[in-house]
C-alpha atoms as a PDB file:
ATOM      1  CA  MET A   1     -11.010  -2.945  13.255  1.00  0.00           C
ATOM      2  CA  LYS A   2     -10.885  -5.477  16.067  1.00  0.00           C
ATOM      3  CA  VAL A   3     -10.913  -4.070  19.621  1.00  0.00           C
ATOM      4  CA  THR A   4     -10.793  -5.928  22.955  1.00  0.00           C
ATOM      5  CA  PHE A   5     -11.704  -4.393  26.320  1.00  0.00           C
ATOM      6  CA  VAL A   6      -9.099  -5.828  28.716  1.00  0.00           C
ATOM      7  CA  GLY A   7      -9.818  -3.653  31.762  1.00  0.00           C
ATOM      8  CA  ASP A   8      -7.189  -3.218  34.438  1.00  0.00           C
ATOM      9  CA  GLY A   9      -7.733  -6.418  36.439  1.00  0.00           C
ATOM     10  CA  ARG A  10      -9.368  -4.688  39.406  1.00  0.00           C
ATOM     11  CA  ASN A  11     -13.150  -5.044  39.655  1.00  0.00           C
ATOM     12  CA  ASP A  12     -13.639  -4.752  35.903  1.00  0.00           C
ATOM     13  CA  PRO A  13     -17.241  -4.647  34.659  1.00  0.00           C
ATOM     14  CA  LYS A  14     -18.406  -7.559  32.506  1.00  0.00           C
ATOM     15  CA  GLN A  15     -18.845  -5.098  29.662  1.00  0.00           C
ATOM     16  CA  ILE A  16     -18.693  -1.401  28.903  1.00  0.00           C
ATOM     17  CA  THR A  17     -20.308   0.835  26.315  1.00  0.00           C
ATOM     18  CA  ALA A  18     -18.026   3.337  24.614  1.00  0.00           C
ATOM     19  CA  PHE A  19     -18.188   5.229  21.321  1.00  0.00           C
ATOM     20  CA  GLY A  20     -21.576   3.685  20.569  1.00  0.00           C
ATOM     21  CA  HIS A  21     -20.342   0.075  20.891  1.00  0.00           C
ATOM     22  CA  VAL A  22     -20.626  -2.569  23.603  1.00  0.00           C
ATOM     23  CA  PHE A  23     -17.308  -4.160  24.581  1.00  0.00           C
ATOM     24  CA  PRO A  24     -17.579  -7.358  26.671  1.00  0.00           C
ATOM     25  CA  LEU A  25     -14.552  -7.919  28.899  1.00  0.00           C
ATOM     26  CA  GLY A  26     -11.945 -10.065  27.147  1.00  0.00           C
ATOM     27  CA  LYS A  27     -13.943 -10.530  23.930  1.00  0.00           C
ATOM     28  CA  GLU A  28     -12.815  -9.210  20.566  1.00  0.00           C
ATOM     29  CA  VAL A  29     -15.336  -6.879  18.906  1.00  0.00           C
ATOM     30  CA  ASP A  30     -15.159  -5.925  15.223  1.00  0.00           C
ATOM     31  CA  VAL A  31     -16.085  -2.234  14.982  1.00  0.00           C
ATOM     32  CA  ASP A  32     -15.927   0.548  12.409  1.00  0.00           C
ATOM     33  CA  LEU A  33     -14.227   3.534  14.066  1.00  0.00           C
ATOM     34  CA  SER A  34     -13.154   6.920  12.789  1.00  0.00           C
ATOM     35  CA  ALA A  35      -9.421   7.602  12.768  1.00  0.00           C
ATOM     36  CA  ALA A  36      -9.794  10.005  15.701  1.00  0.00           C
ATOM     37  CA  VAL A  37     -11.657   7.470  17.888  1.00  0.00           C
ATOM     38  CA  ALA A  38      -9.234   4.691  16.927  1.00  0.00           C
ATOM     39  CA  GLU A  39      -6.316   6.887  17.971  1.00  0.00           C
ATOM     40  CA  GLU A  40      -8.014   7.638  21.291  1.00  0.00           C
ATOM     41  CA  LEU A  41      -8.568   3.932  21.972  1.00  0.00           C
ATOM     42  CA  ARG A  42      -5.035   3.084  20.883  1.00  0.00           C
ATOM     43  CA  GLY A  43      -3.775   5.284  23.745  1.00  0.00           C
ATOM     44  CA  ASN A  44      -6.100   3.702  26.331  1.00  0.00           C
ATOM     45  CA  GLN A  45      -4.475   0.950  28.400  1.00  0.00           C
ATOM     46  CA  HIS A  46      -7.839  -0.745  28.995  1.00  0.00           C
ATOM     47  CA  PHE A  47      -8.170  -1.696  25.311  1.00  0.00           C
ATOM     48  CA  GLU A  48      -6.146  -3.767  22.880  1.00  0.00           C
ATOM     49  CA  MET A  49      -6.442  -3.197  19.145  1.00  0.00           C
ATOM     50  CA  GLU A  50      -5.248  -4.937  16.032  1.00  0.00           C
ATOM     51  CA  GLN A  51      -2.477  -3.075  14.281  1.00  0.00           C
ATOM     52  CA  PRO A  52      -3.766  -0.798  11.521  1.00  0.00           C
ATOM     53  CA  GLU A  53      -3.054  -1.681   7.939  1.00  0.00           C
ATOM     54  CA  GLU A  54      -0.634   0.405   5.936  1.00  0.00           C
ATOM     55  CA  LEU A  55      -2.346   3.542   4.707  1.00  0.00           C
ATOM     56  CA  ASP A  56      -2.720   3.852   0.939  1.00  0.00           C
ATOM     57  CA  ARG A  57      -1.421   7.382   0.314  1.00  0.00           C
ATOM     58  CA  GLU A  58      -2.892   7.573  -3.205  1.00  0.00           C
ATOM     59  CA  ALA A  59      -6.362   6.610  -1.923  1.00  0.00           C
ATOM     60  CA  LEU A  60      -6.043   9.180   0.857  1.00  0.00           C
ATOM     61  CA  LEU A  61      -5.019  11.909  -1.608  1.00  0.00           C
ATOM     62  CA  SER A  62      -7.976  11.035  -3.817  1.00  0.00           C
ATOM     63  CA  ARG A  63     -10.435  11.177  -0.887  1.00  0.00           C
ATOM     64  CA  ALA A  64      -8.911  14.453   0.337  1.00  0.00           C
ATOM     65  CA  ALA A  65      -9.449  15.979  -3.119  1.00  0.00           C
ATOM     66  CA  GLU A  66     -13.091  14.815  -3.088  1.00  0.00           C
ATOM     67  CA  LEU A  67     -13.581  16.532   0.277  1.00  0.00           C
ATOM     68  CA  GLY A  68     -11.745  19.708  -0.773  1.00  0.00           C
ATOM     69  CA  ILE A  69      -8.953  19.241   1.778  1.00  0.00           C
ATOM     70  CA  SER A  70      -5.749  21.125   1.051  1.00  0.00           C
ATOM     71  CA  VAL A  71      -2.729  18.795   1.250  1.00  0.00           C
ATOM     72  CA  ARG A  72       0.913  19.789   1.658  1.00  0.00           C
ATOM     73  CA  GLY A  73       3.358  17.587  -0.233  1.00  0.00           C
ATOM     74  CA  ASN A  74       5.119  16.383   2.904  1.00  0.00           C
ATOM     75  CA  MET A  75       1.983  15.599   4.944  1.00  0.00           C
ATOM     76  CA  LYS A  76       2.164  12.191   6.656  1.00  0.00           C
ATOM     77  CA  ALA A  77      -0.457   9.609   5.668  1.00  0.00           C
ATOM     78  CA  GLU A  78      -1.612   9.374   9.310  1.00  0.00           C
ATOM     79  CA  THR A  79      -2.163  13.147   9.469  1.00  0.00           C
ATOM     80  CA  LEU A  80      -4.027  13.090   6.180  1.00  0.00           C
ATOM     81  CA  ALA A  81      -6.227  10.193   7.384  1.00  0.00           C
ATOM     82  CA  ALA A  82      -7.072  12.130  10.554  1.00  0.00           C
ATOM     83  CA  ARG A  83      -7.983  15.272   8.562  1.00  0.00           C
ATOM     84  CA  ILE A  84     -10.207  13.183   6.268  1.00  0.00           C
ATOM     85  CA  ALA A  85     -11.934  11.596   9.281  1.00  0.00           C
ATOM     86  CA  GLU A  86     -12.545  15.048  10.801  1.00  0.00           C
ATOM     87  CA  ALA A  87     -13.985  16.354   7.529  1.00  0.00           C
ATOM     88  CA  GLU A  88     -16.233  13.298   7.153  1.00  0.00           C
ATOM     89  CA  GLU A  89     -17.493  13.605  10.740  1.00  0.00           C
ATOM     90  CA  ALA A  90     -18.168  17.326  10.299  1.00  0.00           C
ATOM     91  CA  GLY A  91     -20.116  16.576   7.119  1.00  0.00           C
ATOM     92  CA  GLU A  92     -22.482  14.085   8.772  1.00  0.00           C
END
């Protein structure tokens, strides 16, 4: 996922370190982020992110089964992706 630290235009540092990555001001950085961290950055006005790709529901269902995650039939793909990310982080 490509992320750019854009700051707020007032005395921005030349770079910041967040979530274990260094983000130079105004430079795109290709990073591998969990769904939870990506969602947190997506809501932060100091960062710009590429739009996420469409989630493959079948792949998510398969991964959820591997992790033993219970899935309701009407669960949104985004919710399922977040639950998978939480389970993977907890298993580290």
